[in-house]
PDB file of N, CA and C in Angstrom:
ATOM      1  N   MET A   1      13.933 -42.062  15.617  1.00  0.00           N
ATOM      2  CA  MET A   1      14.365 -40.700  15.305  1.00  0.00           C
ATOM      3  C   MET A   1      13.619 -39.720  16.217  1.00  0.00           C
ATOM      4  N   ASP A   2      14.288 -38.712  16.615  1.00  0.00           N
ATOM      5  CA  ASP A   2      13.712 -37.721  17.514  1.00  0.00           C
ATOM      6  C   ASP A   2      12.596 -36.947  16.815  1.00  0.00           C
ATOM      7  N   VAL A   3      11.525 -36.682  17.544  1.00  0.00           N
ATOM      8  CA  VAL A   3      10.371 -35.977  16.980  1.00  0.00           C
ATOM      9  C   VAL A   3      10.757 -34.581  16.518  1.00  0.00           C
ATOM     10  N   TRP A   4      11.616 -33.896  17.263  1.00  0.00           N
ATOM     11  CA  TRP A   4      11.977 -32.521  16.907  1.00  0.00           C
ATOM     12  C   TRP A   4      12.808 -32.476  15.638  1.00  0.00           C
ATOM     13  N   LEU A   5      13.579 -33.536  15.366  1.00  0.00           N
ATOM     14  CA  LEU A   5      14.350 -33.567  14.130  1.00  0.00           C
ATOM     15  C   LEU A   5      13.448 -33.751  12.920  1.00  0.00           C
ATOM     16  N   VAL A   6      12.372 -34.500  13.093  1.00  0.00           N
ATOM     17  CA  VAL A   6      11.424 -34.704  11.995  1.00  0.00           C
ATOM     18  C   VAL A   6      10.721 -33.400  11.664  1.00  0.00           C
ATOM     19  N   ARG A   7      10.402 -32.616  12.659  1.00  0.00           N
ATOM     20  CA  ARG A   7       9.648 -31.386  12.451  1.00  0.00           C
ATOM     21  C   ARG A   7      10.529 -30.173  12.189  1.00  0.00           C
ATOM     22  N   ALA A   8      11.811 -30.361  12.094  1.00  0.00           N
ATOM     23  CA  ALA A   8      12.696 -29.216  11.890  1.00  0.00           C
ATOM     24  C   ALA A   8      12.473 -28.561  10.533  1.00  0.00           C
ATOM     25  N   LYS A   9      12.058 -29.335   9.542  1.00  0.00           N
ATOM     26  CA  LYS A   9      11.800 -28.798   8.210  1.00  0.00           C
ATOM     27  C   LYS A   9      10.329 -28.402   8.117  1.00  0.00           C
ATOM     28  N   MET A  10      10.065 -27.135   7.825  1.00  0.00           N
ATOM     29  CA  MET A  10       8.691 -26.651   7.767  1.00  0.00           C
ATOM     30  C   MET A  10       8.022 -27.153   6.483  1.00  0.00           C
ATOM     31  N   PRO A  11       6.866 -27.804   6.596  1.00  0.00           N
ATOM     32  CA  PRO A  11       6.191 -28.276   5.389  1.00  0.00           C
ATOM     33  C   PRO A  11       5.660 -27.115   4.551  1.00  0.00           C
ATOM     34  N   LYS A  12       5.442 -27.386   3.270  1.00  0.00           N
ATOM     35  CA  LYS A  12       4.965 -26.344   2.363  1.00  0.00           C
ATOM     36  C   LYS A  12       3.582 -25.851   2.756  1.00  0.00           C
ATOM     37  N   ALA A  13       2.746 -26.732   3.274  1.00  0.00           N
ATOM     38  CA  ALA A  13       1.395 -26.325   3.661  1.00  0.00           C
ATOM     39  C   ALA A  13       1.434 -25.296   4.787  1.00  0.00           C
ATOM     40  N   LEU A  14       2.351 -25.476   5.725  1.00  0.00           N
ATOM     41  CA  LEU A  14       2.445 -24.532   6.837  1.00  0.00           C
ATOM     42  C   LEU A  14       2.950 -23.178   6.360  1.00  0.00           C
ATOM     43  N   SER A  15       3.911 -23.177   5.463  1.00  0.00           N
ATOM     44  CA  SER A  15       4.395 -21.897   4.943  1.00  0.00           C
ATOM     45  C   SER A  15       3.322 -21.210   4.103  1.00  0.00           C
ATOM     46  N   ARG A  16       2.480 -21.982   3.424  1.00  0.00           N
ATOM     47  CA  ARG A  16       1.352 -21.378   2.689  1.00  0.00           C
ATOM     48  C   ARG A  16       0.354 -20.745   3.648  1.00  0.00           C
ATOM     49  N   TRP A  17       0.116 -21.405   4.787  1.00  0.00           N
ATOM     50  CA  TRP A  17      -0.787 -20.823   5.785  1.00  0.00           C
ATOM     51  C   TRP A  17      -0.234 -19.506   6.315  1.00  0.00           C
ATOM     52  N   PHE A  18       1.082 -19.446   6.527  1.00  0.00           N
ATOM     53  CA  PHE A  18       1.691 -18.199   6.986  1.00  0.00           C
ATOM     54  C   PHE A  18       1.533 -17.096   5.949  1.00  0.00           C
ATOM     55  N   LEU A  19       1.690 -17.429   4.674  1.00  0.00           N
ATOM     56  CA  LEU A  19       1.525 -16.435   3.615  1.00  0.00           C
ATOM     57  C   LEU A  19       0.080 -15.954   3.541  1.00  0.00           C
ATOM     58  N   ILE A  20      -0.871 -16.873   3.621  1.00  0.00           N
ATOM     59  CA  ILE A  20      -2.289 -16.500   3.601  1.00  0.00           C
ATOM     60  C   ILE A  20      -2.618 -15.630   4.808  1.00  0.00           C
ATOM     61  N   LEU A  21      -2.101 -15.999   5.968  1.00  0.00           N
ATOM     62  CA  LEU A  21      -2.339 -15.211   7.180  1.00  0.00           C
ATOM     63  C   LEU A  21      -1.769 -13.808   7.048  1.00  0.00           C
ATOM     64  N   TYR A  22      -0.571 -13.702   6.489  1.00  0.00           N
ATOM     65  CA  TYR A  22       0.068 -12.399   6.328  1.00  0.00           C
ATOM     66  C   TYR A  22      -0.742 -11.509   5.387  1.00  0.00           C
ATOM     67  N   ILE A  23      -1.196 -12.056   4.270  1.00  0.00           N
ATOM     68  CA  ILE A  23      -2.014 -11.286   3.322  1.00  0.00           C
ATOM     69  C   ILE A  23      -3.344 -10.902   3.959  1.00  0.00           C
ATOM     70  N   PHE A  24      -3.951 -11.815   4.721  1.00  0.00           N
ATOM     71  CA  PHE A  24      -5.223 -11.521   5.373  1.00  0.00           C
ATOM     72  C   PHE A  24      -5.072 -10.396   6.395  1.00  0.00           C
ATOM     73  N   ILE A  25      -3.996 -10.407   7.155  1.00  0.00           N
ATOM     74  CA  ILE A  25      -3.790  -9.345   8.146  1.00  0.00           C
ATOM     75  C   ILE A  25      -3.602  -8.004   7.454  1.00  0.00           C
ATOM     76  N   TRP A  26      -2.864  -7.990   6.336  1.00  0.00           N
ATOM     77  CA  TRP A  26      -2.720  -6.739   5.587  1.00  0.00           C
ATOM     78  C   TRP A  26      -4.066  -6.271   5.045  1.00  0.00           C
ATOM     79  N   PHE A  27      -4.914  -7.206   4.591  1.00  0.00           N
ATOM     80  CA  PHE A  27      -6.245  -6.851   4.089  1.00  0.00           C
ATOM     81  C   PHE A  27      -7.088  -6.240   5.198  1.00  0.00           C
ATOM     82  N   VAL A  28      -7.081  -6.852   6.358  1.00  0.00           N
ATOM     83  CA  VAL A  28      -7.839  -6.319   7.493  1.00  0.00           C
ATOM     84  C   VAL A  28      -7.281  -4.960   7.908  1.00  0.00           C
ATOM     85  N   ALA A  29      -5.966  -4.812   7.854  1.00  0.00           N
ATOM     86  CA  ALA A  29      -5.351  -3.538   8.231  1.00  0.00           C
ATOM     87  C   ALA A  29      -5.749  -2.426   7.271  1.00  0.00           C
ATOM     88  N   THR A  30      -5.891  -2.732   5.998  1.00  0.00           N
ATOM     89  CA  THR A  30      -6.311  -1.694   5.057  1.00  0.00           C
ATOM     90  C   THR A  30      -7.780  -1.347   5.231  1.00  0.00           C
ATOM     91  N   LEU A  31      -8.586  -2.292   5.688  1.00  0.00           N
ATOM     92  CA  LEU A  31      -9.996  -1.994   5.937  1.00  0.00           C
ATOM     93  C   LEU A  31     -10.179  -1.159   7.201  1.00  0.00           C
ATOM     94  N   ALA A  32      -9.289  -1.311   8.138  1.00  0.00           N
ATOM     95  CA  ALA A  32      -9.398  -0.595   9.411  1.00  0.00           C
ATOM     96  C   ALA A  32      -8.659   0.738   9.327  1.00  0.00           C
ATOM     97  N   THR A  33      -8.944   1.514   8.316  1.00  0.00           N
ATOM     98  CA  THR A  33      -8.219   2.771   8.124  1.00  0.00           C
ATOM     99  C   THR A  33      -8.547   3.797   9.201  1.00  0.00           C
ATOM    100  N   ASP A  34      -9.719   3.720   9.799  1.00  0.00           N
ATOM    101  CA  ASP A  34     -10.050   4.658  10.873  1.00  0.00           C
ATOM    102  C   ASP A  34      -9.124   4.468  12.069  1.00  0.00           C
ATOM    103  N   TRP A  35      -8.760   3.232  12.333  1.00  0.00           N
ATOM    104  CA  TRP A  35      -7.903   2.963  13.477  1.00  0.00           C
ATOM    105  C   TRP A  35      -6.480   3.429  13.202  1.00  0.00           C
ATOM    106  N   PHE A  36      -6.057   3.374  11.940  1.00  0.00           N
ATOM    107  CA  PHE A  36      -4.706   3.777  11.569  1.00  0.00           C
ATOM    108  C   PHE A  36      -4.625   5.232  11.125  1.00  0.00           C
ATOM    109  N   GLU A  37      -5.677   5.992  11.316  1.00  0.00           N
ATOM    110  CA  GLU A  37      -5.762   7.336  10.749  1.00  0.00           C
ATOM    111  C   GLU A  37      -4.636   8.265  11.213  1.00  0.00           C
ATOM    112  N   ASN A  38      -4.329   8.283  12.482  1.00  0.00           N
ATOM    113  CA  ASN A  38      -3.326   9.219  13.004  1.00  0.00           C
ATOM    114  C   ASN A  38      -1.968   8.563  13.246  1.00  0.00           C
ATOM    115  N   MET A  39      -1.722   7.436  12.593  1.00  0.00           N
ATOM    116  CA  MET A  39      -0.472   6.712  12.806  1.00  0.00           C
ATOM    117  C   MET A  39       0.462   6.909  11.617  1.00  0.00           C
ATOM    118  N   THR A  40       1.748   6.855  11.884  1.00  0.00           N
ATOM    119  CA  THR A  40       2.722   6.915  10.799  1.00  0.00           C
ATOM    120  C   THR A  40       2.832   5.533  10.156  1.00  0.00           C
ATOM    121  N   LEU A  41       3.483   5.477   8.999  1.00  0.00           N
ATOM    122  CA  LEU A  41       3.632   4.207   8.296  1.00  0.00           C
ATOM    123  C   LEU A  41       4.444   3.207   9.117  1.00  0.00           C
ATOM    124  N   LEU A  42       5.436   3.685   9.816  1.00  0.00           N
ATOM    125  CA  LEU A  42       6.250   2.797  10.644  1.00  0.00           C
ATOM    126  C   LEU A  42       5.428   2.182  11.775  1.00  0.00           C
ATOM    127  N   GLU A  43       4.550   2.959  12.378  1.00  0.00           N
ATOM    128  CA  GLU A  43       3.689   2.427  13.438  1.00  0.00           C
ATOM    129  C   GLU A  43       2.705   1.409  12.887  1.00  0.00           C
ATOM    130  N   ILE A  44       2.171   1.667  11.692  1.00  0.00           N
ATOM    131  CA  ILE A  44       1.247   0.719  11.061  1.00  0.00           C
ATOM    132  C   ILE A  44       1.969  -0.591  10.767  1.00  0.00           C
ATOM    133  N   LEU A  45       3.189  -0.503  10.228  1.00  0.00           N
ATOM    134  CA  LEU A  45       3.965  -1.712   9.949  1.00  0.00           C
ATOM    135  C   LEU A  45       4.247  -2.493  11.225  1.00  0.00           C
ATOM    136  N   PHE A  46       4.544  -1.790  12.311  1.00  0.00           N
ATOM    137  CA  PHE A  46       4.802  -2.466  13.578  1.00  0.00           C
ATOM    138  C   PHE A  46       3.563  -3.220  14.053  1.00  0.00           C
ATOM    139  N   VAL A  47       2.408  -2.586  13.993  1.00  0.00           N
ATOM    140  CA  VAL A  47       1.174  -3.224  14.458  1.00  0.00           C
ATOM    141  C   VAL A  47       0.844  -4.439  13.605  1.00  0.00           C
ATOM    142  N   VAL A  48       0.932  -4.286  12.281  1.00  0.00           N
ATOM    143  CA  VAL A  48       0.589  -5.392  11.390  1.00  0.00           C
ATOM    144  C   VAL A  48       1.547  -6.566  11.596  1.00  0.00           C
ATOM    145  N   HIS A  49       2.830  -6.287  11.704  1.00  0.00           N
ATOM    146  CA  HIS A  49       3.783  -7.371  11.895  1.00  0.00           C
ATOM    147  C   HIS A  49       3.654  -8.002  13.279  1.00  0.00           C
ATOM    148  N   PHE A  50       3.314  -7.214  14.286  1.00  0.00           N
ATOM    149  CA  PHE A  50       3.105  -7.775  15.617  1.00  0.00           C
ATOM    150  C   PHE A  50       1.915  -8.733  15.613  1.00  0.00           C
ATOM    151  N   VAL A  51       0.820  -8.327  14.975  1.00  0.00           N
ATOM    152  CA  VAL A  51      -0.358  -9.204  14.891  1.00  0.00           C
ATOM    153  C   VAL A  51      -0.009 -10.472  14.118  1.00  0.00           C
ATOM    154  N   PHE A  52       0.745 -10.320  13.019  1.00  0.00           N
ATOM    155  CA  PHE A  52       1.148 -11.493  12.245  1.00  0.00           C
ATOM    156  C   PHE A  52       1.997 -12.439  13.083  1.00  0.00           C
ATOM    157  N   ILE A  53       2.937 -11.906  13.841  1.00  0.00           N
ATOM    158  CA  ILE A  53       3.809 -12.759  14.653  1.00  0.00           C
ATOM    159  C   ILE A  53       3.002 -13.503  15.712  1.00  0.00           C
ATOM    160  N   VAL A  54       2.013 -12.850  16.299  1.00  0.00           N
ATOM    161  CA  VAL A  54       1.176 -13.508  17.305  1.00  0.00           C
ATOM    162  C   VAL A  54       0.405 -14.664  16.681  1.00  0.00           C
ATOM    163  N   PHE A  55      -0.283 -14.416  15.556  1.00  0.00           N
ATOM    164  CA  PHE A  55      -1.069 -15.478  14.933  1.00  0.00           C
ATOM    165  C   PHE A  55      -0.179 -16.564  14.334  1.00  0.00           C
ATOM    166  N   ALA A  56       0.953 -16.190  13.763  1.00  0.00           N
ATOM    167  CA  ALA A  56       1.878 -17.196  13.234  1.00  0.00           C
ATOM    168  C   ALA A  56       2.428 -18.058  14.367  1.00  0.00           C
ATOM    169  N   GLY A  57       2.675 -17.448  15.504  1.00  0.00           N
ATOM    170  CA  GLY A  57       3.124 -18.216  16.660  1.00  0.00           C
ATOM    171  C   GLY A  57       2.075 -19.206  17.132  1.00  0.00           C
ATOM    172  N   LEU A  58       0.814 -18.799  17.116  1.00  0.00           N
ATOM    173  CA  LEU A  58      -0.257 -19.719  17.500  1.00  0.00           C
ATOM    174  C   LEU A  58      -0.366 -20.882  16.524  1.00  0.00           C
ATOM    175  N   ILE A  59      -0.236 -20.599  15.229  1.00  0.00           N
ATOM    176  CA  ILE A  59      -0.279 -21.669  14.231  1.00  0.00           C
ATOM    177  C   ILE A  59       0.905 -22.608  14.421  1.00  0.00           C
ATOM    178  N   LEU A  60       2.076 -22.048  14.671  1.00  0.00           N
ATOM    179  CA  LEU A  60       3.268 -22.872  14.862  1.00  0.00           C
ATOM    180  C   LEU A  60       3.158 -23.730  16.121  1.00  0.00           C
ATOM    181  N   ILE A  61       2.619 -23.183  17.188  1.00  0.00           N
ATOM    182  CA  ILE A  61       2.426 -23.960  18.416  1.00  0.00           C
ATOM    183  C   ILE A  61       1.424 -25.081  18.182  1.00  0.00           C
ATOM    184  N   ALA A  62       0.334 -24.787  17.470  1.00  0.00           N
ATOM    185  CA  ALA A  62      -0.650 -25.826  17.166  1.00  0.00           C
ATOM    186  C   ALA A  62      -0.029 -26.921  16.303  1.00  0.00           C
ATOM    187  N   TYR A  63       0.824 -26.535  15.368  1.00  0.00           N
ATOM    188  CA  TYR A  63       1.501 -27.524  14.521  1.00  0.00           C
ATOM    189  C   TYR A  63       2.445 -28.395  15.342  1.00  0.00           C
ATOM    190  N   LEU A  64       3.184 -27.786  16.244  1.00  0.00           N
ATOM    191  CA  LEU A  64       4.132 -28.556  17.045  1.00  0.00           C
ATOM    192  C   LEU A  64       3.444 -29.455  18.064  1.00  0.00           C
ATOM    193  N   LEU A  65       2.221 -29.123  18.459  1.00  0.00           N
ATOM    194  CA  LEU A  65       1.507 -29.945  19.433  1.00  0.00           C
ATOM    195  C   LEU A  65       0.746 -31.104  18.805  1.00  0.00           C
ATOM    196  N   THR A  66       0.620 -31.132  17.471  1.00  0.00           N
ATOM    197  CA  THR A  66      -0.083 -32.244  16.831  1.00  0.00           C
ATOM    198  C   THR A  66       0.814 -33.473  16.828  1.00  0.00           C
ATOM    199  N   PRO A  67       0.231 -34.630  17.069  1.00  0.00           N
ATOM    200  CA  PRO A  67       1.035 -35.857  17.023  1.00  0.00           C
ATOM    201  C   PRO A  67       1.573 -36.103  15.610  1.00  0.00           C
ATOM    202  N   THR A  68       2.753 -36.688  15.513  1.00  0.00           N
ATOM    203  CA  THR A  68       3.379 -36.882  14.200  1.00  0.00           C
ATOM    204  C   THR A  68       2.630 -37.889  13.344  1.00  0.00           C
ATOM    205  N   GLU A  69       1.934 -38.842  13.923  1.00  0.00           N
ATOM    206  CA  GLU A  69       1.213 -39.814  13.099  1.00  0.00           C
ATOM    207  C   GLU A  69       0.013 -39.179  12.394  1.00  0.00           C
ATOM    208  N   ASP A  70      -0.492 -38.046  12.894  1.00  0.00           N
ATOM    209  CA  ASP A  70      -1.592 -37.355  12.224  1.00  0.00           C
ATOM    210  C   ASP A  70      -1.118 -36.531  11.042  1.00  0.00           C
ATOM    211  N   LEU A  71       0.165 -36.250  10.943  1.00  0.00           N
ATOM    212  CA  LEU A  71       0.691 -35.409   9.873  1.00  0.00           C
ATOM    213  C   LEU A  71       0.895 -36.172   8.576  1.00  0.00           C
ATOM    214  N   ARG A  72       0.924 -37.465   8.623  1.00  0.00           N
ATOM    215  CA  ARG A  72       1.192 -38.258   7.412  1.00  0.00           C
ATOM    216  C   ARG A  72      -0.064 -38.751   6.777  1.00  0.00           C
TER     217      ARG A  72
END
């Protein structure tokens, strides 16, 4: 079976990591209120989601680069 077909379904652990990462980024964003002081809510949402997409992409790349025998 093709490796990409096996990995097409995202495991629950990976989706939990994405949720934890998303909450952590929001927590850090609320602590960094000085940096967001002169920004509108839309700009803050853009920055937070951009940071989340970058880190989620890194996690996804690391997941895809792990050998399949290590996942079981």
